[in-house]
Amino acid sequence: MERRLYDHVKELLIEELAGSQPGQRLPSRAALAERFGVNRTTVERAVSELIGEGLLYARDKSGTYTTGRLPAARHAEGGRRWAVVIPDIQHDTYPGIIRGIQDTAGGRGIDVILSNTDNSVRRQTACLERFLEGGTDGIILIPAVYEGTDLRPLMRILERRVPLVLCNREVPGIQAPVVKSDNFLGGKLAVRHLVSTGRRRIAYVSPPIYQTSAERYQGYLAALAENGLEQDPSLVSFACAPGEPENALRAVTRLLQRRADGVFCFNDAAACVVYDAAARLGRKVGRELAVVGYDNTPLCESFRPKLTTVDFRTYEVGRRAAELICAMTEGDESARRRSVVVEPSLIVRESTPG
């Protein structure tokens, strides 16, 4: 009998949630018990399960509130939905991540809704708030790069226990699972390979420094140190800013004039700048100058010579992020504290002759 009462109360509460606004305070347990004609223990069990399903959330000494989410089967379209918020779908690394997410979600009958932020924190905040208030069964976020993140929507997501996974990089102050490639190891793999081809004056070319570029730079430094090579600050450039091709070309041209014989590039797009600068100086990539990119994008096969690169394993990053959302949705509390680091690999092509 108790079980049937508990189920009945839960169903009644779900009906009320369908017409509630996000952040609406639930009546007290005593008031609900009186309304439904059951004891308080029955109400507690129903409310606790709805909290676990992410439909309600509790604040210490304040009460229980609605999240604005609906049970998976009650979405307007009749199915489950995830929101994926990324800087730019046209960026070379993100399509692979999205495909990994979609393949995993699609196999479970889950729809994926995509939103671009263009690396704007303001747009990121707007996207997150829209998805949070509109109802979603999980959120995967690749944080905007260059500005400080607005923590408020992320804190609300966690407070309401909506499954959240960060991809590619952490957000300081947010305790959520992170799935990322091991950028430090990727930097080491690239520079170790350049050293193995006989290069000794190895440069690092990157866009302005942020978490990912800093991690790859630390791998660059570690590989130089383990091979007994002194790091020369004049061989490091953080000037390959997106949208500033002429400034980037001038900076890399100056760097190559300092007798660099190998270049580790933050990504394959930065390698394009290195190739252009080498051509300007009459230096042959794949002969006197060895170049390694990062991300293993389709660009690599179009370079002449073809570009050696570090494979980010974007599909694996997306797949593992989706699996974490699934685990949280299925009640695995440990998944809310779990992070995954995917190991990159080196793809050797013609730009680094031995």
Protein backbone atom coordinates (compact mmCIF):
# COMPACT_ATOMS: atom_id res chain seq x y z
CA MET A 1 0.00 0.00 0.00
CA GLU A 2 2.81 2.39 0.92
CA ARG A 3 4.46 1.83 -2.43
CA ARG A 4 1.23 2.56 -4.29
CA LEU A 5 0.71 5.75 -2.29
CA TYR A 6 4.28 6.85 -2.98
CA ASP A 7 3.85 6.29 -6.73
CA HIS A 8 0.53 8.12 -6.68
CA VAL A 9 2.01 11.14 -4.88
CA LYS A 10 4.90 11.23 -7.30
CA GLU A 11 2.53 11.24 -10.27
CA LEU A 12 0.51 14.07 -8.72
CA LEU A 13 3.67 16.10 -8.16
CA ILE A 14 4.79 15.51 -11.75
CA GLU A 15 1.45 16.83 -13.00
CA GLU A 16 2.00 19.99 -10.95
CA LEU A 17 5.58 20.36 -12.21
CA ALA A 18 4.32 20.44 -15.81
CA GLY A 19 2.66 23.79 -15.13
CA SER A 20 5.29 25.30 -12.83
CA GLN A 21 7.93 27.94 -13.49
CA PRO A 22 11.66 27.21 -12.95
CA GLY A 23 12.69 28.15 -9.43
CA GLN A 24 9.16 27.92 -8.03
CA ARG A 25 9.17 26.85 -4.39
CA LEU A 26 7.40 23.62 -3.50
CA PRO A 27 4.96 23.67 -0.55
CA SER A 28 6.29 22.19 2.69
CA ARG A 29 6.24 18.43 3.21
CA ALA A 30 3.56 18.84 5.87
CA ALA A 31 1.38 20.87 3.49
CA LEU A 32 1.80 18.30 0.72
CA ALA A 33 0.98 15.44 3.09
CA GLU A 34 -2.21 17.18 4.12
CA ARG A 35 -3.17 17.99 0.51
CA PHE A 36 -2.67 14.43 -0.73
CA GLY A 37 -4.00 12.73 2.41
CA VAL A 38 -0.84 10.71 3.07
CA ASN A 39 1.83 10.69 5.76
CA ARG A 40 4.97 12.82 5.54
CA THR A 41 7.24 9.81 4.92
CA THR A 42 5.38 9.06 1.69
CA VAL A 43 5.84 12.65 0.54
CA GLU A 44 9.55 12.55 1.45
CA ARG A 45 10.09 9.46 -0.71
CA ALA A 46 8.32 10.98 -3.70
CA VAL A 47 10.16 14.31 -3.42
CA SER A 48 13.56 12.62 -2.90
CA GLU A 49 13.18 10.60 -6.08
CA LEU A 50 12.15 13.66 -8.08
CA ILE A 51 15.27 15.44 -6.79
CA GLY A 52 17.35 12.47 -7.92
CA GLU A 53 15.75 12.69 -11.38
CA GLY A 54 16.65 16.37 -11.64
CA LEU A 55 13.05 17.65 -11.59
CA LEU A 56 13.41 19.30 -8.18
CA TYR A 57 16.36 20.68 -6.22
CA ALA A 58 16.82 21.51 -2.55
CA ARG A 59 18.46 24.48 -0.89
CA ASP A 60 19.72 24.14 2.66
CA LYS A 61 17.32 25.70 5.15
CA SER A 62 15.32 27.21 2.30
CA GLY A 63 13.12 24.53 0.78
CA THR A 64 12.64 22.55 -2.41
CA TYR A 65 12.31 24.18 -5.84
CA THR A 66 11.36 23.23 -9.39
CA THR A 67 14.06 23.02 -12.06
CA GLY A 68 11.76 23.66 -14.99
CA ARG A 69 12.62 20.28 -16.48
CA LEU A 70 10.00 17.74 -17.46
CA PRO A 71 10.35 13.97 -17.20
CA ALA A 72 12.03 12.58 -20.32
CA ALA A 73 8.80 11.19 -21.78
CA ARG A 74 6.94 14.50 -21.25
CA HIS A 75 9.01 16.81 -23.48
CA ALA A 76 6.87 18.50 -26.10
CA GLU A 77 8.44 16.41 -28.86
CA GLY A 78 7.98 13.26 -26.79
CA GLY A 79 11.65 12.34 -26.34
CA ARG A 80 14.81 13.06 -24.43
CA ARG A 81 17.08 15.96 -25.37
CA TRP A 82 20.62 17.07 -24.68
CA ALA A 83 22.00 20.55 -25.22
CA VAL A 84 25.53 20.92 -26.61
CA VAL A 85 27.05 24.41 -26.34
CA ILE A 86 30.27 25.00 -28.30
CA PRO A 87 32.32 27.99 -29.49
CA ASP A 88 32.00 27.36 -33.25
CA ILE A 89 30.81 24.32 -35.21
CA GLN A 90 33.05 25.40 -38.11
CA HIS A 91 36.20 25.07 -35.99
CA ASP A 92 38.18 22.04 -37.12
CA THR A 93 38.07 20.06 -33.87
CA TYR A 94 34.41 20.45 -32.93
CA PRO A 95 32.68 18.43 -35.69
CA GLY A 96 34.44 15.27 -34.48
CA ILE A 97 33.35 15.91 -30.89
CA ILE A 98 29.77 16.56 -32.01
CA ARG A 99 29.74 13.33 -34.05
CA GLY A 100 30.91 11.34 -31.03
CA ILE A 101 28.13 12.88 -28.92
CA GLN A 102 25.43 12.40 -31.55
CA ASP A 103 26.32 8.78 -32.30
CA THR A 104 26.15 7.91 -28.61
CA ALA A 105 22.95 9.89 -28.03
CA GLY A 106 21.26 8.61 -31.17
CA GLY A 107 21.88 5.02 -30.15
CA ARG A 108 19.81 5.73 -27.04
CA GLY A 109 17.01 7.63 -28.76
CA ILE A 110 18.21 11.03 -27.51
CA ASP A 111 18.05 14.20 -29.61
CA VAL A 112 20.97 16.66 -29.58
CA ILE A 113 20.37 20.41 -29.81
CA LEU A 114 23.43 22.44 -30.79
CA SER A 115 24.20 26.08 -30.03
CA ASN A 116 27.26 28.19 -31.00
CA THR A 117 28.68 30.88 -28.73
CA ASP A 118 31.41 32.29 -31.03
CA ASN A 119 33.63 32.28 -27.91
CA SER A 120 31.42 34.97 -26.35
CA VAL A 121 30.77 34.53 -22.63
CA ARG A 122 27.60 36.62 -22.97
CA ARG A 123 26.25 34.30 -25.66
CA GLN A 124 27.36 31.27 -23.67
CA THR A 125 25.39 32.49 -20.65
CA ALA A 126 22.32 33.15 -22.79
CA CYS A 127 22.50 29.66 -24.33
CA LEU A 128 22.88 27.92 -20.99
CA GLU A 129 20.03 29.85 -19.41
CA ARG A 130 17.76 29.18 -22.37
CA PHE A 131 18.40 25.44 -22.25
CA LEU A 132 18.12 25.35 -18.47
CA GLU A 133 14.77 27.10 -18.39
CA GLY A 134 13.42 25.32 -21.47
CA GLY A 135 14.18 21.87 -20.13
CA THR A 136 16.95 19.48 -21.10
CA ASP A 137 18.12 16.07 -19.90
CA GLY A 138 21.81 17.01 -20.00
CA ILE A 139 24.24 19.72 -21.06
CA ILE A 140 27.68 19.33 -22.65
CA LEU A 141 29.67 22.56 -22.71
CA ILE A 142 32.92 23.46 -24.45
CA PRO A 143 33.64 26.71 -22.60
CA ALA A 144 34.40 29.96 -24.38
CA VAL A 145 38.14 30.48 -24.59
CA TYR A 146 39.42 33.97 -23.98
CA GLU A 147 37.06 35.65 -21.49
CA GLY A 148 36.33 34.88 -17.86
CA THR A 149 33.34 32.53 -17.65
CA ASP A 150 30.07 33.67 -16.08
CA LEU A 151 29.63 31.06 -13.33
CA ARG A 152 26.01 31.90 -12.49
CA PRO A 153 24.24 29.68 -15.05
CA LEU A 154 26.67 26.84 -14.38
CA MET A 155 26.00 27.07 -10.65
CA ARG A 156 22.25 26.93 -11.31
CA ILE A 157 22.71 23.89 -13.54
CA LEU A 158 24.59 22.08 -10.77
CA GLU A 159 22.16 23.22 -8.10
CA ARG A 160 19.26 21.81 -10.07
CA ARG A 161 21.23 18.60 -10.69
CA VAL A 162 20.95 18.79 -14.45
CA PRO A 163 23.73 16.50 -15.76
CA LEU A 164 26.62 18.70 -16.93
CA VAL A 165 29.89 17.72 -18.62
CA LEU A 166 32.65 20.11 -19.65
CA CYS A 167 34.72 19.28 -22.73
CA ASN A 168 38.29 20.30 -23.63
CA ARG A 169 38.89 22.45 -20.54
CA GLU A 170 37.85 23.05 -16.97
CA VAL A 171 36.02 26.09 -15.62
CA PRO A 172 37.64 27.28 -12.36
CA GLY A 173 35.11 27.22 -9.54
CA ILE A 174 32.83 24.64 -11.19
CA GLN A 175 32.94 21.07 -9.87
CA ALA A 176 31.74 19.13 -12.89
CA PRO A 177 33.18 16.19 -14.84
CA VAL A 178 35.60 17.12 -17.61
CA VAL A 179 36.50 15.17 -20.75
CA LYS A 180 39.63 16.40 -22.50
CA SER A 181 42.57 15.29 -24.54
CA ASP A 182 45.93 15.14 -22.76
CA ASN A 183 47.39 18.34 -24.19
CA PHE A 184 50.55 18.09 -22.11
CA LEU A 185 51.28 14.64 -23.51
CA GLY A 186 50.43 15.81 -27.01
CA GLY A 187 53.02 18.57 -26.75
CA LYS A 188 55.62 16.09 -25.56
CA LEU A 189 54.84 13.66 -28.39
CA ALA A 190 55.27 16.41 -30.98
CA VAL A 191 58.59 17.71 -29.65
CA ARG A 192 60.01 14.25 -28.95
CA HIS A 193 59.36 13.40 -32.57
CA LEU A 194 61.05 16.57 -33.79
CA VAL A 195 64.08 15.77 -31.62
CA SER A 196 64.17 12.23 -33.04
CA THR A 197 64.53 13.72 -36.54
CA GLY A 198 67.64 15.63 -35.44
CA ARG A 199 66.05 19.03 -34.74
CA ARG A 200 67.59 21.09 -31.95
CA ARG A 201 66.19 24.60 -32.31
CA ILE A 202 62.51 23.85 -31.96
CA ALA A 203 59.95 26.65 -31.94
CA TYR A 204 56.41 26.76 -30.55
CA VAL A 205 53.73 28.70 -32.44
CA SER A 206 50.36 29.31 -30.83
CA PRO A 207 47.40 31.69 -30.58
CA PRO A 208 47.28 33.89 -27.46
CA ILE A 209 47.76 31.81 -24.35
CA TYR A 210 44.82 30.11 -22.65
CA GLN A 211 44.35 26.80 -20.87
CA THR A 212 44.82 24.48 -23.85
CA SER A 213 47.70 26.38 -25.43
CA ALA A 214 49.42 26.61 -22.04
CA GLU A 215 49.13 22.85 -21.50
CA ARG A 216 50.64 22.10 -24.92
CA TYR A 217 53.37 24.65 -24.22
CA GLN A 218 54.19 22.89 -20.94
CA GLY A 219 54.52 19.62 -22.87
CA TYR A 220 56.85 21.39 -25.31
CA LEU A 221 59.04 22.60 -22.44
CA ALA A 222 59.07 19.17 -20.76
CA ALA A 223 60.20 17.42 -23.94
CA LEU A 224 62.99 19.95 -24.48
CA ALA A 225 64.19 19.44 -20.89
CA GLU A 226 64.11 15.64 -21.02
CA ASN A 227 66.29 15.80 -24.17
CA GLY A 228 68.78 18.23 -22.65
CA LEU A 229 67.78 21.12 -24.93
CA GLU A 230 67.74 24.66 -23.60
CA GLN A 231 64.51 26.56 -24.13
CA ASP A 232 64.98 29.75 -26.12
CA PRO A 233 62.17 32.29 -25.44
CA SER A 234 62.83 33.91 -28.82
CA LEU A 235 61.56 30.69 -30.45
CA VAL A 236 58.11 30.95 -28.86
CA SER A 237 55.27 32.96 -30.39
CA PHE A 238 51.74 33.38 -29.02
CA ALA A 239 50.79 35.66 -31.90
CA CYS A 240 48.79 33.33 -34.18
CA ALA A 241 45.50 34.94 -33.20
CA PRO A 242 42.40 33.89 -35.14
CA GLY A 243 41.28 36.68 -37.43
CA GLU A 244 44.70 38.37 -37.54
CA PRO A 245 46.50 36.55 -40.38
CA GLU A 246 48.93 39.33 -41.31
CA ASN A 247 50.10 39.85 -37.73
CA ALA A 248 50.52 36.10 -37.33
CA LEU A 249 52.51 35.80 -40.56
CA ARG A 250 54.87 38.61 -39.55
CA ALA A 251 55.44 37.09 -36.09
CA VAL A 252 56.16 33.60 -37.45
CA THR A 253 58.43 34.97 -40.17
CA ARG A 254 60.52 36.70 -37.50
CA LEU A 255 60.62 33.49 -35.47
CA LEU A 256 61.87 31.39 -38.40
CA GLN A 257 64.63 33.93 -39.03
CA ARG A 258 66.07 32.97 -35.61
CA ARG A 259 67.41 29.70 -37.04
CA ALA A 260 64.53 27.46 -35.97
CA ASP A 261 64.93 24.04 -37.60
CA GLY A 262 61.71 22.54 -36.22
CA VAL A 263 58.31 23.98 -35.31
CA PHE A 264 55.60 22.58 -33.06
CA CYS A 265 52.30 24.27 -33.91
CA PHE A 266 49.39 24.62 -31.49
CA ASN A 267 47.06 23.37 -34.22
CA ASP A 268 46.97 22.61 -37.91
CA ALA A 269 45.72 26.11 -38.71
CA ALA A 270 48.86 27.58 -37.12
CA ALA A 271 50.91 25.22 -39.31
CA CYS A 272 49.39 26.98 -42.35
CA VAL A 273 51.02 30.19 -41.14
CA VAL A 274 54.35 28.41 -40.69
CA TYR A 275 54.20 27.01 -44.22
CA ASP A 276 53.46 30.50 -45.61
CA ALA A 277 56.28 32.08 -43.61
CA ALA A 278 58.72 29.36 -44.71
CA ALA A 279 57.77 29.96 -48.35
CA ARG A 280 58.35 33.70 -47.89
CA LEU A 281 61.86 32.96 -46.60
CA GLY A 282 62.63 30.30 -49.21
CA ARG A 283 62.88 27.52 -46.60
CA LYS A 284 61.68 24.06 -47.59
CA VAL A 285 59.29 22.38 -45.16
CA GLY A 286 60.10 18.69 -44.98
CA ARG A 287 63.76 19.32 -45.75
CA GLU A 288 65.54 21.99 -43.73
CA LEU A 289 62.46 22.78 -41.63
CA ALA A 290 60.37 20.11 -39.87
CA VAL A 291 56.81 21.01 -38.81
CA VAL A 292 54.30 19.27 -36.54
CA GLY A 293 50.68 20.39 -36.22
CA TYR A 294 47.93 19.40 -33.82
CA ASP A 295 44.35 18.07 -34.23
CA ASN A 296 44.77 15.85 -37.32
CA THR A 297 42.22 17.81 -39.32
CA PRO A 298 41.54 17.21 -43.04
CA LEU A 299 43.95 20.10 -43.71
CA CYS A 300 46.89 17.78 -43.04
CA GLU A 301 46.48 15.79 -46.26
CA SER A 302 46.16 18.99 -48.34
CA PHE A 303 49.50 20.44 -47.17
CA ARG A 304 52.49 20.04 -49.46
CA PRO A 305 54.33 18.27 -47.96
CA LYS A 306 51.63 16.51 -45.97
CA LEU A 307 51.60 17.57 -42.33
CA THR A 308 52.71 15.46 -39.38
CA THR A 309 50.29 16.14 -36.54
CA VAL A 310 49.01 15.07 -33.15
CA ASP A 311 45.63 13.34 -33.29
CA PHE A 312 43.37 15.00 -30.71
CA ARG A 313 40.92 12.04 -30.93
CA THR A 314 37.94 14.34 -31.03
CA TYR A 315 35.37 11.59 -31.62
CA GLU A 316 36.53 9.79 -28.49
CA VAL A 317 36.23 12.98 -26.45
CA GLY A 318 32.63 13.45 -27.62
CA ARG A 319 31.74 9.81 -27.05
CA ARG A 320 33.11 9.78 -23.51
CA ALA A 321 31.33 13.04 -22.66
CA ALA A 322 28.03 11.54 -23.84
CA GLU A 323 28.63 8.41 -21.81
CA LEU A 324 29.10 10.50 -18.68
CA ILE A 325 25.78 12.27 -19.30
CA CYS A 326 24.12 8.85 -19.69
CA ALA A 327 25.66 7.60 -16.44
CA MET A 328 24.44 10.64 -14.52
CA THR A 329 20.96 10.37 -16.02
CA GLU A 330 20.84 6.73 -14.93
CA GLY A 331 21.62 7.68 -11.35
CA ASP A 332 25.36 7.00 -11.16
CA GLU A 333 26.37 9.65 -8.61
CA SER A 334 30.08 8.88 -9.05
CA ALA A 335 29.81 10.12 -12.65
CA ARG A 336 29.24 13.66 -11.32
CA ARG A 337 32.80 13.58 -9.94
CA ARG A 338 34.46 11.60 -12.72
CA SER A 339 36.75 13.11 -15.34
CA VAL A 340 38.30 11.52 -18.41
CA VAL A 341 41.62 12.30 -20.10
CA VAL A 342 41.92 10.88 -23.61
CA GLU A 343 45.42 10.03 -24.77
CA PRO A 344 46.44 11.62 -28.10
CA SER A 345 48.62 9.96 -30.73
CA LEU A 346 51.16 11.13 -33.29
CA ILE A 347 50.42 10.82 -37.01
CA VAL A 348 53.69 11.00 -38.97
CA ARG A 349 53.63 12.37 -42.50
CA GLU A 350 56.05 14.11 -44.89
CA SER A 351 56.67 17.36 -43.00
CA THR A 352 59.08 15.69 -40.55
CA PRO A 353 61.64 13.66 -42.47
CA GLY A 354 63.94 11.49 -40.38
